[in-house]
Amino acid sequence: MDLVTNTIIKRKNASEGGLIGGWFSFEKNGQLYGISCNHVIANINACRVGDILANEKNDDIGVLSHWLQLKPAQNGFTNKAEFALFLPKPNLTPLWRSKPNGFVNGTVDARVDFRCDDYASRGTITNMSHPVSITWNNIDYHFRCIEVKSETNGSFSKPGHSGGSVYCDEKLLGIILGINETGDKTYVVPFADGILNLVALAI
């Protein structure tokens, strides 16, 4: 079975999940790791290495391996990124839906794209460092994200798309963190000025 980017991933037996955002190596052994959001596969830090991850049918597809420990917004602390990594099951084949040509910083007004099994959209970057506050389990967490607005009247992304990869000029911009309350803005965790500052991922 193939594991394609921007398809569903969740914690085993969880009712909700997100998306696989890409395949990367960062160790000398060349092992490929998948990426998604911490809140999707690492349960907002309430997790352990080896936790089982599943697809939408709840079939096992891999195990949790690494995550960025999220810190609450005490004394104004802002998290530098939001992500977790996992190891795919050895009998599964990691595939890119569309393999990127590298990473990109992006700029305000640049066009960006997102595509998954049942959704495709195009948007425009409106802010490169938008402050985002999210409450999980009655605890506030702060982030700075790339803000994207859809080029149509719809939403650039929807609930359940967290972790999905966003492209700009066929390069990776970041992974989706979430959307605002009205659904007209999507917040993206950047690779080039975020995740890559914390772990040296290679496509």
Protein backbone atom coordinates (compact mmCIF):
# COMPACT_ATOMS: atom_id res chain seq x y z
CA MET A 1 0.00 0.00 0.00
CA ASP A 2 1.19 3.53 -0.77
CA LEU A 3 1.32 6.32 1.80
CA VAL A 4 0.70 9.49 -0.18
CA THR A 5 1.22 13.02 1.12
CA ASN A 6 -1.87 15.00 2.10
CA THR A 7 -3.79 11.84 2.97
CA ILE A 8 -5.29 11.18 6.39
CA ILE A 9 -3.22 10.26 9.44
CA LYS A 10 -4.36 10.01 13.04
CA ARG A 11 -3.48 8.41 16.33
CA LYS A 12 -4.73 4.83 16.55
CA ASN A 13 -8.44 4.75 17.48
CA ALA A 14 -8.73 8.55 17.47
CA SER A 15 -11.95 9.99 16.09
CA GLU A 16 -10.18 12.85 14.29
CA GLY A 17 -6.87 13.35 12.54
CA GLY A 18 -5.04 15.42 9.99
CA LEU A 19 -2.82 14.93 6.95
CA ILE A 20 0.64 13.60 6.11
CA GLY A 21 2.61 16.67 5.06
CA GLY A 22 5.69 15.16 3.44
CA TRP A 23 8.55 12.66 3.47
CA PHE A 24 12.02 13.64 4.66
CA SER A 25 15.33 12.31 5.83
CA PHE A 26 17.52 13.97 8.44
CA GLU A 27 19.78 11.17 9.64
CA LYS A 28 22.80 9.60 7.95
CA ASN A 29 21.03 6.26 7.52
CA GLY A 30 18.69 7.76 4.93
CA GLN A 31 15.53 6.66 6.76
CA LEU A 32 12.42 8.48 5.56
CA TYR A 33 10.17 10.16 8.11
CA GLY A 34 6.69 11.55 7.61
CA ILE A 35 5.59 14.88 9.05
CA SER A 36 2.31 16.17 10.45
CA CYS A 37 1.30 18.47 13.30
CA ASN A 38 2.02 17.77 16.95
CA HIS A 39 -1.68 18.18 17.79
CA VAL A 40 -2.56 15.58 15.14
CA ILE A 41 -0.13 12.72 15.89
CA ALA A 42 1.65 13.68 19.15
CA ASN A 43 -1.50 14.58 21.10
CA ILE A 44 -0.16 17.99 22.22
CA ASN A 45 2.86 16.41 23.96
CA ALA A 46 0.77 13.66 25.67
CA CYS A 47 2.52 10.90 23.77
CA ARG A 48 5.39 8.42 23.69
CA VAL A 49 7.87 7.30 21.06
CA GLY A 50 6.35 4.30 19.31
CA ASP A 51 2.72 5.40 19.64
CA ILE A 52 0.79 3.74 16.81
CA LEU A 53 -0.56 5.89 13.99
CA ALA A 54 -3.32 4.95 11.59
CA ASN A 55 -5.13 5.93 8.40
CA GLU A 56 -8.80 6.82 8.04
CA LYS A 57 -9.74 3.12 8.21
CA ASN A 58 -7.76 2.82 11.47
CA ASP A 59 -5.20 0.53 9.79
CA ASP A 60 -1.71 0.86 11.28
CA ILE A 61 0.58 2.93 9.04
CA GLY A 62 3.46 3.91 11.31
CA VAL A 63 4.75 4.95 14.71
CA LEU A 64 5.54 8.30 16.30
CA SER A 65 9.27 9.03 16.45
CA HIS A 66 9.94 12.75 17.18
CA TRP A 67 8.00 15.88 18.05
CA LEU A 68 8.59 19.48 18.96
CA GLN A 69 7.57 19.93 22.58
CA LEU A 70 4.93 22.66 22.64
CA LYS A 71 5.06 25.21 25.45
CA PRO A 72 2.05 27.11 26.85
CA ALA A 73 1.78 30.85 26.32
CA GLN A 74 3.13 31.75 29.76
CA ASN A 75 4.99 35.07 29.98
CA GLY A 76 4.24 35.64 26.31
CA PHE A 77 6.14 32.58 25.05
CA THR A 78 5.68 31.91 21.32
CA ASN A 79 6.42 28.46 19.87
CA LYS A 80 8.82 28.53 16.91
CA ALA A 81 6.92 25.81 15.04
CA GLU A 82 4.38 22.99 15.46
CA PHE A 83 5.19 19.55 14.04
CA ALA A 84 5.89 15.88 14.73
CA LEU A 85 7.63 13.11 12.77
CA PHE A 86 6.78 9.45 12.33
CA LEU A 87 8.25 6.28 10.88
CA PRO A 88 6.11 4.53 8.24
CA LYS A 89 5.56 0.78 8.47
CA PRO A 90 8.30 -1.03 6.52
CA ASN A 91 5.81 -2.71 4.17
CA LEU A 92 4.30 0.63 3.07
CA THR A 93 5.62 2.87 0.30
CA PRO A 94 5.98 6.61 1.07
CA LEU A 95 5.04 8.72 -1.96
CA TRP A 96 4.73 12.42 -2.70
CA ARG A 97 1.48 13.51 -4.35
CA SER A 98 3.67 16.06 -6.11
CA LYS A 99 7.34 16.01 -5.18
CA PRO A 100 8.56 19.54 -4.39
CA ASN A 101 11.65 21.16 -5.88
CA GLY A 102 12.89 22.32 -2.47
CA PHE A 103 11.75 24.76 0.19
CA VAL A 104 10.69 28.38 -0.20
CA ASN A 105 10.29 31.33 2.17
CA GLY A 106 7.35 32.86 0.35
CA THR A 107 6.44 36.55 0.20
CA VAL A 108 3.31 38.58 0.77
CA ASP A 109 0.99 38.37 -2.28
CA ALA A 110 2.65 35.16 -3.52
CA ARG A 111 0.26 32.50 -4.81
CA VAL A 112 0.13 29.18 -2.96
CA ASP A 113 -1.55 25.83 -3.58
CA PHE A 114 -3.00 23.02 -1.50
CA ARG A 115 -4.37 19.70 -2.73
CA CYS A 116 -5.59 16.52 -1.04
CA ASP A 117 -7.84 13.61 -2.07
CA ASP A 118 -11.09 15.53 -2.01
CA TYR A 119 -10.04 19.19 -2.03
CA ALA A 120 -7.93 21.56 -4.09
CA SER A 121 -7.44 25.28 -3.57
CA ARG A 122 -5.31 28.26 -4.47
CA GLY A 123 -4.63 31.19 -2.19
CA THR A 124 -2.50 34.26 -1.58
CA ILE A 125 -0.11 34.98 1.29
CA THR A 126 -1.43 37.98 3.25
CA ASN A 127 0.99 37.98 6.21
CA MET A 128 4.36 36.28 6.70
CA SER A 129 4.32 36.36 10.51
CA HIS A 130 0.78 36.44 11.80
CA PRO A 131 0.33 35.87 15.55
CA VAL A 132 -1.87 32.85 16.22
CA SER A 133 -3.30 31.81 19.58
CA ILE A 134 -4.87 28.36 19.98
CA THR A 135 -6.47 26.85 23.07
CA TRP A 136 -6.10 23.10 23.55
CA ASN A 137 -7.38 21.43 26.73
CA ASN A 138 -7.96 24.86 28.28
CA ILE A 139 -4.32 25.86 27.75
CA ASP A 140 -3.28 28.65 25.39
CA TYR A 141 -0.42 28.24 22.91
CA HIS A 142 1.06 31.00 20.77
CA PHE A 143 2.60 30.71 17.30
CA ARG A 144 3.64 32.92 14.39
CA CYS A 145 2.44 31.60 11.07
CA ILE A 146 2.13 32.45 7.41
CA GLU A 147 -1.42 33.67 6.80
CA VAL A 148 -3.13 32.57 3.59
CA LYS A 149 -6.42 33.75 2.13
CA SER A 150 -8.29 31.80 -0.53
CA GLU A 151 -8.48 33.35 -4.00
CA THR A 152 -12.17 32.38 -4.12
CA ASN A 153 -15.02 32.96 -1.69
CA GLY A 154 -14.38 29.54 -0.14
CA SER A 155 -11.80 28.41 2.39
CA PHE A 156 -8.19 27.67 1.45
CA SER A 157 -8.35 24.69 3.82
CA LYS A 158 -10.86 23.02 6.11
CA PRO A 159 -10.94 21.31 9.53
CA GLY A 160 -9.06 18.01 9.24
CA HIS A 161 -6.40 19.44 6.94
CA SER A 162 -3.86 20.16 9.71
CA GLY A 163 -0.43 18.87 8.75
CA GLY A 164 -1.11 19.10 5.02
CA SER A 165 1.64 20.55 2.83
CA VAL A 166 1.25 23.92 1.12
CA TYR A 167 3.22 24.73 -2.05
CA CYS A 168 4.50 27.96 -3.58
CA ASP A 169 6.03 27.78 -7.08
CA GLU A 170 6.24 23.97 -6.78
CA LYS A 171 8.30 24.29 -3.59
CA LEU A 172 7.30 23.55 0.00
CA LEU A 173 6.10 26.58 1.96
CA GLY A 174 4.88 24.85 5.13
CA ILE A 175 2.26 22.66 6.76
CA ILE A 176 -1.23 23.74 7.75
CA LEU A 177 -1.73 24.48 11.44
CA GLY A 178 -5.41 25.43 11.23
CA ILE A 179 -7.94 28.06 10.20
CA ASN A 180 -9.52 31.08 11.86
CA GLU A 181 -13.04 31.10 13.31
CA THR A 182 -14.65 32.39 10.12
CA GLY A 183 -12.74 29.93 7.92
CA ASP A 184 -11.47 32.57 5.49
CA LYS A 185 -7.83 32.47 6.68
CA THR A 186 -5.48 29.49 6.93
CA TYR A 187 -2.38 29.51 9.11
CA VAL A 188 0.71 27.71 7.85
CA VAL A 189 3.77 26.64 9.89
CA PRO A 190 6.74 27.60 7.67
CA PHE A 191 9.53 25.24 6.73
CA ALA A 192 12.22 27.74 5.70
CA ASP A 193 11.87 30.08 8.68
CA GLY A 194 10.46 27.64 11.20
CA ILE A 195 10.70 23.86 11.07
CA LEU A 196 14.07 23.82 9.27
CA ASN A 197 15.58 26.00 12.02
CA LEU A 198 14.88 23.15 14.44
CA VAL A 199 15.60 20.03 12.36
CA ALA A 200 17.58 19.72 9.13
CA LEU A 201 15.06 17.92 6.94
CA ALA A 202 16.03 16.90 3.41
CA ILE A 203 13.52 16.04 0.68
